[in-house]
Amino acid sequence: YAKTSTGVELDVSRHLAAVELAKQYIDTTSLQWAAGNVTDGTAMGEGLRLLSGDMLEADLSEATVLYINQACFPRDVLELVVAKIMAECTKLQAVAAYPPLPALVESGRFTEKQQAGGSKYLKLPFSMFNYPTMLTVYERSLTTTPGIGIQA
């Protein structure tokens, strides 16, 4: 299991809804959680961190998996997201994104993962919709360098 999971929400009302859900469901368990601003994230320690703010300002350097639902992001923001992933996320092993981020594959650092049965997309059901979100999953590419071996 993950030691730390961080959610970043730009919309304040959605962030507050997540905090209320955490109070309702997580407070009944022994799991640690905290809520704050994106600038507070690294100081929160392990557990669930629910952050309000711009993910472009969040510290993603320790992330190993990213789920990004950027359906409403304009193209220039998507380019900034990809640039942040490339520059900051050195430990990142996988990205699940909607819509697709082909620049990850174009960078040579990631490949598109085929799902069970050969499907291109991972179906993520949402209780508020009668249709799933079709996520593209990317895995970090392994490359070999003579004299160095396998690198991620």
N, C-alpha and C. Protein backbone atom coordinates (compact mmCIF):
# COMPACT_ATOMS: atom_id res chain seq x y z
N TYR A 1 0.82 -1.18 0.00
CA TYR A 1 0.00 0.00 0.00
C TYR A 1 0.87 1.25 0.00
N ALA A 2 0.31 2.32 -0.48
CA ALA A 2 1.04 3.59 -0.51
C ALA A 2 1.15 4.17 0.89
N LYS A 3 2.30 4.78 1.19
CA LYS A 3 2.48 5.47 2.46
C LYS A 3 1.80 6.83 2.42
N THR A 4 1.82 7.44 1.22
CA THR A 4 1.27 8.78 1.08
C THR A 4 0.47 8.87 -0.21
N SER A 5 -0.67 9.51 -0.12
CA SER A 5 -1.49 9.79 -1.29
C SER A 5 -1.90 11.25 -1.21
N THR A 6 -1.71 11.97 -2.31
CA THR A 6 -2.00 13.39 -2.31
C THR A 6 -3.01 13.72 -3.40
N GLY A 7 -4.04 14.44 -3.03
CA GLY A 7 -5.02 14.94 -3.99
C GLY A 7 -4.90 16.45 -4.06
N VAL A 8 -4.87 16.97 -5.28
CA VAL A 8 -4.80 18.42 -5.47
C VAL A 8 -6.02 18.84 -6.27
N GLU A 9 -6.80 19.75 -5.72
CA GLU A 9 -8.02 20.22 -6.37
C GLU A 9 -7.98 21.74 -6.46
N LEU A 10 -8.15 22.24 -7.69
CA LEU A 10 -8.15 23.68 -7.93
C LEU A 10 -9.44 24.33 -7.44
N ASP A 11 -10.56 23.66 -7.64
CA ASP A 11 -11.86 24.18 -7.25
C ASP A 11 -12.05 24.04 -5.74
N VAL A 12 -12.21 25.15 -5.05
CA VAL A 12 -12.31 25.14 -3.58
C VAL A 12 -13.50 24.32 -3.10
N SER A 13 -14.65 24.41 -3.77
CA SER A 13 -15.82 23.66 -3.31
C SER A 13 -15.60 22.16 -3.44
N ARG A 14 -14.91 21.71 -4.47
CA ARG A 14 -14.61 20.28 -4.61
C ARG A 14 -13.60 19.85 -3.55
N HIS A 15 -12.63 20.70 -3.26
CA HIS A 15 -11.67 20.41 -2.19
C HIS A 15 -12.39 20.25 -0.86
N LEU A 16 -13.29 21.18 -0.55
CA LEU A 16 -14.03 21.12 0.71
C LEU A 16 -14.92 19.87 0.78
N ALA A 17 -15.47 19.47 -0.37
CA ALA A 17 -16.26 18.23 -0.41
C ALA A 17 -15.38 17.03 -0.08
N ALA A 18 -14.16 17.01 -0.60
CA ALA A 18 -13.23 15.91 -0.30
C ALA A 18 -12.88 15.89 1.19
N VAL A 19 -12.69 17.05 1.77
CA VAL A 19 -12.40 17.14 3.20
C VAL A 19 -13.58 16.60 4.01
N GLU A 20 -14.79 16.94 3.62
CA GLU A 20 -15.98 16.43 4.33
C GLU A 20 -16.07 14.91 4.21
N LEU A 21 -15.77 14.37 3.04
CA LEU A 21 -15.77 12.91 2.87
C LEU A 21 -14.71 12.26 3.75
N ALA A 22 -13.54 12.90 3.83
CA ALA A 22 -12.49 12.36 4.69
C ALA A 22 -12.94 12.35 6.15
N LYS A 23 -13.60 13.41 6.60
CA LYS A 23 -14.10 13.47 7.96
C LYS A 23 -15.12 12.36 8.21
N GLN A 24 -15.96 12.13 7.22
CA GLN A 24 -17.03 11.14 7.36
C GLN A 24 -16.51 9.71 7.33
N TYR A 25 -15.56 9.42 6.43
CA TYR A 25 -15.13 8.04 6.23
C TYR A 25 -13.77 7.71 6.81
N ILE A 26 -12.82 8.59 6.68
CA ILE A 26 -11.46 8.27 7.12
C ILE A 26 -11.31 8.45 8.62
N ASP A 27 -12.02 9.39 9.19
CA ASP A 27 -11.92 9.60 10.63
C ASP A 27 -12.36 8.38 11.43
N THR A 28 -13.09 7.46 10.83
CA THR A 28 -13.52 6.25 11.51
C THR A 28 -12.46 5.14 11.42
N THR A 29 -11.34 5.44 10.80
CA THR A 29 -10.26 4.46 10.65
C THR A 29 -9.01 4.97 11.38
N SER A 30 -7.95 4.21 11.27
CA SER A 30 -6.68 4.63 11.88
C SER A 30 -5.78 5.34 10.87
N LEU A 31 -6.28 5.59 9.67
CA LEU A 31 -5.47 6.26 8.65
C LEU A 31 -5.25 7.73 9.02
N GLN A 32 -4.05 8.20 8.72
CA GLN A 32 -3.72 9.61 8.96
C GLN A 32 -4.12 10.42 7.74
N TRP A 33 -4.62 11.63 7.96
CA TRP A 33 -4.92 12.51 6.84
C TRP A 33 -4.86 13.95 7.30
N ALA A 34 -4.66 14.84 6.33
CA ALA A 34 -4.60 16.26 6.62
C ALA A 34 -5.05 17.02 5.39
N ALA A 35 -5.51 18.22 5.59
CA ALA A 35 -5.94 19.08 4.48
C ALA A 35 -5.22 20.41 4.58
N GLY A 36 -4.96 21.01 3.43
CA GLY A 36 -4.29 22.30 3.43
C GLY A 36 -4.14 22.83 2.01
N ASN A 37 -3.21 23.74 1.86
CA ASN A 37 -2.93 24.36 0.58
C ASN A 37 -1.78 23.62 -0.09
N VAL A 38 -1.62 23.77 -1.41
CA VAL A 38 -0.55 23.08 -2.13
C VAL A 38 0.82 23.41 -1.55
N THR A 39 0.99 24.57 -0.99
CA THR A 39 2.29 24.93 -0.42
C THR A 39 2.55 24.22 0.90
N ASP A 40 1.52 23.60 1.50
CA ASP A 40 1.67 22.87 2.76
C ASP A 40 1.99 21.40 2.57
N GLY A 41 1.85 20.89 1.37
CA GLY A 41 1.88 19.45 1.11
C GLY A 41 3.05 18.69 1.66
N THR A 42 4.27 19.15 1.42
CA THR A 42 5.44 18.38 1.84
C THR A 42 5.61 18.36 3.36
N ALA A 43 5.04 19.32 4.06
CA ALA A 43 5.18 19.38 5.51
C ALA A 43 4.17 18.50 6.24
N MET A 44 3.26 17.88 5.50
CA MET A 44 2.17 17.13 6.13
C MET A 44 2.55 15.72 6.52
N GLY A 45 3.63 15.20 6.03
CA GLY A 45 4.02 13.84 6.38
C GLY A 45 3.24 12.80 5.59
N GLU A 46 3.26 11.56 6.12
CA GLU A 46 2.62 10.44 5.42
C GLU A 46 1.12 10.43 5.64
N GLY A 47 0.43 9.66 4.80
CA GLY A 47 -1.02 9.53 4.89
C GLY A 47 -1.67 10.22 3.71
N LEU A 48 -2.94 10.49 3.83
CA LEU A 48 -3.70 11.18 2.78
C LEU A 48 -3.55 12.67 2.97
N ARG A 49 -3.17 13.36 1.89
CA ARG A 49 -3.04 14.81 1.92
C ARG A 49 -4.01 15.38 0.90
N LEU A 50 -4.96 16.17 1.35
CA LEU A 50 -5.94 16.80 0.48
C LEU A 50 -5.57 18.27 0.36
N LEU A 51 -5.11 18.67 -0.82
CA LEU A 51 -4.58 20.01 -1.02
C LEU A 51 -5.46 20.83 -1.94
N SER A 52 -5.62 22.09 -1.60
CA SER A 52 -6.36 23.02 -2.43
C SER A 52 -5.37 23.92 -3.14
N GLY A 53 -5.55 24.06 -4.45
CA GLY A 53 -4.68 24.95 -5.21
C GLY A 53 -4.32 24.40 -6.57
N ASP A 54 -3.35 25.01 -7.15
CA ASP A 54 -2.89 24.69 -8.50
C ASP A 54 -1.86 23.58 -8.46
N MET A 55 -2.12 22.47 -9.16
CA MET A 55 -1.16 21.36 -9.13
C MET A 55 0.20 21.77 -9.70
N LEU A 56 0.23 22.82 -10.50
CA LEU A 56 1.51 23.29 -11.04
C LEU A 56 2.37 23.90 -9.94
N GLU A 57 1.78 24.22 -8.79
CA GLU A 57 2.52 24.75 -7.66
C GLU A 57 2.82 23.69 -6.60
N ALA A 58 2.25 22.50 -6.76
CA ALA A 58 2.45 21.42 -5.79
C ALA A 58 3.79 20.74 -6.03
N ASP A 59 4.38 20.23 -4.96
CA ASP A 59 5.62 19.47 -5.06
C ASP A 59 5.27 18.03 -5.44
N LEU A 60 5.62 17.64 -6.66
CA LEU A 60 5.32 16.29 -7.15
C LEU A 60 6.58 15.43 -7.22
N SER A 61 7.66 15.89 -6.63
CA SER A 61 8.95 15.22 -6.77
C SER A 61 8.97 13.81 -6.18
N GLU A 62 8.11 13.51 -5.23
CA GLU A 62 8.07 12.18 -4.62
C GLU A 62 7.00 11.28 -5.24
N ALA A 63 6.22 11.79 -6.17
CA ALA A 63 5.12 11.02 -6.76
C ALA A 63 5.65 9.83 -7.56
N THR A 64 5.00 8.69 -7.37
CA THR A 64 5.33 7.50 -8.16
C THR A 64 4.20 7.17 -9.13
N VAL A 65 2.98 7.62 -8.84
CA VAL A 65 1.82 7.42 -9.72
C VAL A 65 1.01 8.72 -9.72
N LEU A 66 0.58 9.14 -10.91
CA LEU A 66 -0.28 10.31 -11.03
C LEU A 66 -1.58 9.93 -11.72
N TYR A 67 -2.69 10.42 -11.20
CA TYR A 67 -3.99 10.36 -11.87
C TYR A 67 -4.35 11.80 -12.16
N ILE A 68 -4.56 12.12 -13.43
CA ILE A 68 -4.86 13.49 -13.83
C ILE A 68 -6.10 13.47 -14.70
N ASN A 69 -7.15 14.16 -14.24
CA ASN A 69 -8.35 14.32 -15.04
C ASN A 69 -8.42 15.79 -15.42
N GLN A 70 -7.83 16.10 -16.56
CA GLN A 70 -7.68 17.48 -16.99
C GLN A 70 -8.58 17.79 -18.18
N ALA A 71 -9.79 17.28 -18.14
CA ALA A 71 -10.72 17.43 -19.27
C ALA A 71 -11.01 18.88 -19.63
N CYS A 72 -10.95 19.76 -18.66
CA CYS A 72 -11.29 21.17 -18.91
C CYS A 72 -10.06 22.07 -19.08
N PHE A 73 -8.87 21.49 -19.03
CA PHE A 73 -7.66 22.30 -19.12
C PHE A 73 -7.45 22.79 -20.55
N PRO A 74 -7.10 24.06 -20.75
CA PRO A 74 -6.74 24.52 -22.09
C PRO A 74 -5.38 23.93 -22.50
N ARG A 75 -5.10 23.93 -23.79
CA ARG A 75 -3.88 23.32 -24.34
C ARG A 75 -2.61 23.84 -23.66
N ASP A 76 -2.52 25.15 -23.41
CA ASP A 76 -1.30 25.69 -22.81
C ASP A 76 -1.08 25.16 -21.40
N VAL A 77 -2.16 24.91 -20.67
CA VAL A 77 -2.03 24.34 -19.33
C VAL A 77 -1.61 22.88 -19.42
N LEU A 78 -2.14 22.14 -20.38
CA LEU A 78 -1.72 20.75 -20.58
C LEU A 78 -0.22 20.68 -20.87
N GLU A 79 0.26 21.61 -21.66
CA GLU A 79 1.70 21.66 -21.96
C GLU A 79 2.51 21.92 -20.70
N LEU A 80 2.00 22.77 -19.82
CA LEU A 80 2.68 23.04 -18.55
C LEU A 80 2.67 21.82 -17.64
N VAL A 81 1.55 21.06 -17.64
CA VAL A 81 1.46 19.84 -16.84
C VAL A 81 2.51 18.83 -17.32
N VAL A 82 2.60 18.64 -18.63
CA VAL A 82 3.58 17.69 -19.16
C VAL A 82 5.00 18.17 -18.84
N ALA A 83 5.27 19.46 -18.98
CA ALA A 83 6.59 19.99 -18.66
C ALA A 83 6.94 19.76 -17.19
N LYS A 84 5.94 19.93 -16.30
CA LYS A 84 6.17 19.70 -14.87
C LYS A 84 6.48 18.23 -14.62
N ILE A 85 5.74 17.34 -15.25
CA ILE A 85 6.00 15.91 -15.09
C ILE A 85 7.43 15.59 -15.52
N MET A 86 7.83 16.10 -16.67
CA MET A 86 9.16 15.81 -17.20
C MET A 86 10.27 16.38 -16.32
N ALA A 87 10.05 17.57 -15.78
CA ALA A 87 11.09 18.23 -15.00
C ALA A 87 11.16 17.77 -13.55
N GLU A 88 10.03 17.48 -12.95
CA GLU A 88 9.98 17.28 -11.51
C GLU A 88 9.77 15.85 -11.06
N CYS A 89 9.08 15.05 -11.85
CA CYS A 89 8.63 13.73 -11.40
C CYS A 89 9.63 12.63 -11.75
N THR A 90 10.80 12.68 -11.16
CA THR A 90 11.85 11.72 -11.50
C THR A 90 11.56 10.32 -10.95
N LYS A 91 10.71 10.19 -9.94
CA LYS A 91 10.37 8.88 -9.36
C LYS A 91 9.10 8.30 -9.96
N LEU A 92 8.46 9.04 -10.85
CA LEU A 92 7.18 8.65 -11.42
C LEU A 92 7.30 7.37 -12.24
N GLN A 93 6.40 6.42 -11.97
CA GLN A 93 6.38 5.15 -12.70
C GLN A 93 5.18 5.02 -13.62
N ALA A 94 4.07 5.70 -13.30
CA ALA A 94 2.87 5.57 -14.11
C ALA A 94 2.02 6.83 -14.02
N VAL A 95 1.29 7.09 -15.12
CA VAL A 95 0.35 8.21 -15.19
C VAL A 95 -0.95 7.67 -15.79
N ALA A 96 -2.07 7.96 -15.14
CA ALA A 96 -3.39 7.66 -15.69
C ALA A 96 -4.03 9.01 -15.99
N ALA A 97 -4.37 9.25 -17.26
CA ALA A 97 -4.81 10.59 -17.65
C ALA A 97 -6.03 10.57 -18.57
N TYR A 98 -6.86 11.58 -18.40
CA TYR A 98 -7.95 11.86 -19.32
C TYR A 98 -8.01 13.37 -19.52
N PRO A 99 -8.04 13.82 -20.76
CA PRO A 99 -7.80 13.07 -21.99
C PRO A 99 -6.33 12.66 -22.10
N PRO A 100 -6.00 11.91 -23.16
CA PRO A 100 -4.63 11.43 -23.31
C PRO A 100 -3.60 12.56 -23.36
N LEU A 101 -2.38 12.22 -22.93
CA LEU A 101 -1.25 13.15 -22.98
C LEU A 101 -0.18 12.56 -23.90
N PRO A 102 -0.37 12.64 -25.22
CA PRO A 102 0.57 12.01 -26.15
C PRO A 102 2.00 12.53 -26.02
N ALA A 103 2.18 13.72 -25.48
CA ALA A 103 3.53 14.27 -25.31
C ALA A 103 4.37 13.41 -24.37
N LEU A 104 3.74 12.65 -23.47
CA LEU A 104 4.49 11.75 -22.60
C LEU A 104 5.20 10.68 -23.42
N VAL A 105 4.49 10.10 -24.38
CA VAL A 105 5.08 9.08 -25.25
C VAL A 105 6.09 9.73 -26.20
N GLU A 106 5.74 10.88 -26.73
CA GLU A 106 6.64 11.58 -27.65
C GLU A 106 7.97 11.93 -27.00
N SER A 107 7.98 12.08 -25.67
CA SER A 107 9.21 12.40 -24.96
C SER A 107 10.19 11.23 -24.95
N GLY A 108 9.67 10.01 -25.19
CA GLY A 108 10.50 8.82 -25.12
C GLY A 108 10.65 8.28 -23.70
N ARG A 109 10.08 8.96 -22.73
CA ARG A 109 10.20 8.54 -21.33
C ARG A 109 9.06 7.64 -20.87
N PHE A 110 7.96 7.62 -21.63
CA PHE A 110 6.79 6.83 -21.26
C PHE A 110 6.26 6.07 -22.47
N THR A 111 5.59 4.95 -22.18
CA THR A 111 4.88 4.20 -23.21
C THR A 111 3.43 4.07 -22.77
N GLU A 112 2.55 3.89 -23.75
CA GLU A 112 1.15 3.65 -23.44
C GLU A 112 0.96 2.20 -23.06
N LYS A 113 0.31 1.96 -21.94
CA LYS A 113 0.08 0.60 -21.47
C LYS A 113 -1.24 0.08 -22.02
N GLN A 114 -1.19 -1.10 -22.60
CA GLN A 114 -2.40 -1.77 -23.05
C GLN A 114 -3.08 -2.41 -21.85
N GLN A 115 -4.40 -2.35 -21.79
CA GLN A 115 -5.16 -2.91 -20.68
C GLN A 115 -5.52 -4.36 -20.96
N ALA A 116 -6.06 -5.02 -19.96
CA ALA A 116 -6.49 -6.41 -20.11
C ALA A 116 -7.43 -6.53 -21.30
N GLY A 117 -7.24 -7.54 -22.09
CA GLY A 117 -8.07 -7.74 -23.27
C GLY A 117 -7.63 -6.88 -24.45
N GLY A 118 -6.51 -6.17 -24.30
CA GLY A 118 -5.98 -5.38 -25.41
C GLY A 118 -6.58 -3.99 -25.54
N SER A 119 -7.44 -3.60 -24.61
CA SER A 119 -8.05 -2.28 -24.68
C SER A 119 -7.00 -1.19 -24.49
N LYS A 120 -7.19 -0.09 -25.18
CA LYS A 120 -6.28 1.04 -25.06
C LYS A 120 -6.55 1.84 -23.78
N TYR A 121 -7.77 1.76 -23.24
CA TYR A 121 -8.16 2.60 -22.12
C TYR A 121 -8.51 1.80 -20.87
N LEU A 122 -8.28 2.42 -19.72
CA LEU A 122 -8.72 1.90 -18.44
C LEU A 122 -10.03 2.61 -18.13
N LYS A 123 -11.09 1.86 -17.88
CA LYS A 123 -12.40 2.45 -17.61
C LYS A 123 -12.54 2.74 -16.12
N LEU A 124 -12.73 4.02 -15.80
CA LEU A 124 -12.89 4.45 -14.42
C LEU A 124 -14.35 4.84 -14.21
N PRO A 125 -15.12 4.02 -13.47
CA PRO A 125 -16.53 4.36 -13.26
C PRO A 125 -16.69 5.53 -12.29
N PHE A 126 -17.71 6.32 -12.51
CA PHE A 126 -18.07 7.42 -11.62
C PHE A 126 -19.52 7.23 -11.21
N SER A 127 -19.80 7.34 -9.93
CA SER A 127 -21.16 7.12 -9.46
C SER A 127 -22.13 8.19 -9.92
N MET A 128 -21.63 9.39 -10.25
CA MET A 128 -22.55 10.45 -10.67
C MET A 128 -22.85 10.43 -12.16
N PHE A 129 -22.18 9.56 -12.92
CA PHE A 129 -22.43 9.45 -14.36
C PHE A 129 -22.81 8.01 -14.68
N ASN A 130 -23.49 7.82 -15.79
CA ASN A 130 -23.82 6.46 -16.20
C ASN A 130 -22.84 5.95 -17.26
N TYR A 131 -21.69 6.57 -17.33
CA TYR A 131 -20.63 6.15 -18.25
C TYR A 131 -19.29 6.33 -17.55
N PRO A 132 -18.30 5.53 -17.93
CA PRO A 132 -16.99 5.64 -17.29
C PRO A 132 -16.11 6.69 -17.96
N THR A 133 -15.09 7.14 -17.25
CA THR A 133 -14.04 7.97 -17.85
C THR A 133 -13.01 7.02 -18.42
N MET A 134 -12.61 7.26 -19.65
CA MET A 134 -11.66 6.39 -20.33
C MET A 134 -10.25 6.94 -20.15
N LEU A 135 -9.50 6.34 -19.24
CA LEU A 135 -8.15 6.82 -18.92
C LEU A 135 -7.11 6.14 -19.79
N THR A 136 -6.14 6.92 -20.23
CA THR A 136 -4.97 6.36 -20.88
C THR A 136 -3.91 6.19 -19.79
N VAL A 137 -3.30 5.01 -19.74
CA VAL A 137 -2.29 4.72 -18.73
C VAL A 137 -0.92 4.70 -19.40
N TYR A 138 0.00 5.44 -18.82
CA TYR A 138 1.37 5.51 -19.32
C TYR A 138 2.31 4.93 -18.26
N GLU A 139 3.29 4.17 -18.73
CA GLU A 139 4.30 3.63 -17.83
C GLU A 139 5.65 4.20 -18.24
N ARG A 140 6.52 4.42 -17.25
CA ARG A 140 7.85 4.91 -17.55
C ARG A 140 8.58 3.87 -18.40
N SER A 141 9.24 4.33 -19.43
CA SER A 141 10.01 3.45 -20.31
C SER A 141 11.31 3.07 -19.63
N LEU A 142 11.71 1.85 -19.83
CA LEU A 142 13.03 1.41 -19.39
C LEU A 142 13.95 1.45 -20.59
N THR A 143 15.07 2.10 -20.44
CA THR A 143 16.05 2.15 -21.52
C THR A 143 17.37 1.61 -21.02
N THR A 144 18.18 1.12 -21.92
CA THR A 144 19.49 0.64 -21.52
C THR A 144 20.55 1.55 -22.12
N THR A 145 21.56 1.81 -21.32
CA THR A 145 22.68 2.63 -21.75
C THR A 145 23.93 1.78 -21.58
N PRO A 146 24.74 1.62 -22.64
CA PRO A 146 25.95 0.79 -22.51
C PRO A 146 26.81 1.24 -21.32
N GLY A 147 27.21 0.26 -20.51
CA GLY A 147 28.05 0.54 -19.36
C GLY A 147 27.30 0.98 -18.13
N ILE A 148 26.02 1.31 -18.29
CA ILE A 148 25.23 1.77 -17.15
C ILE A 148 24.13 0.78 -16.81
N GLY A 149 23.53 0.16 -17.81
CA GLY A 149 22.46 -0.80 -17.58
C GLY A 149 21.10 -0.20 -17.76
N ILE A 150 20.13 -0.76 -17.07
CA ILE A 150 18.74 -0.31 -17.22
C ILE A 150 18.52 0.95 -16.41
N GLN A 151 17.88 1.92 -17.06
CA GLN A 151 17.53 3.17 -16.40
C GLN A 151 16.04 3.42 -16.58
N ALA A 152 15.45 4.10 -15.63
CA ALA A 152 14.05 4.49 -15.76
C ALA A 152 13.98 5.92 -16.20
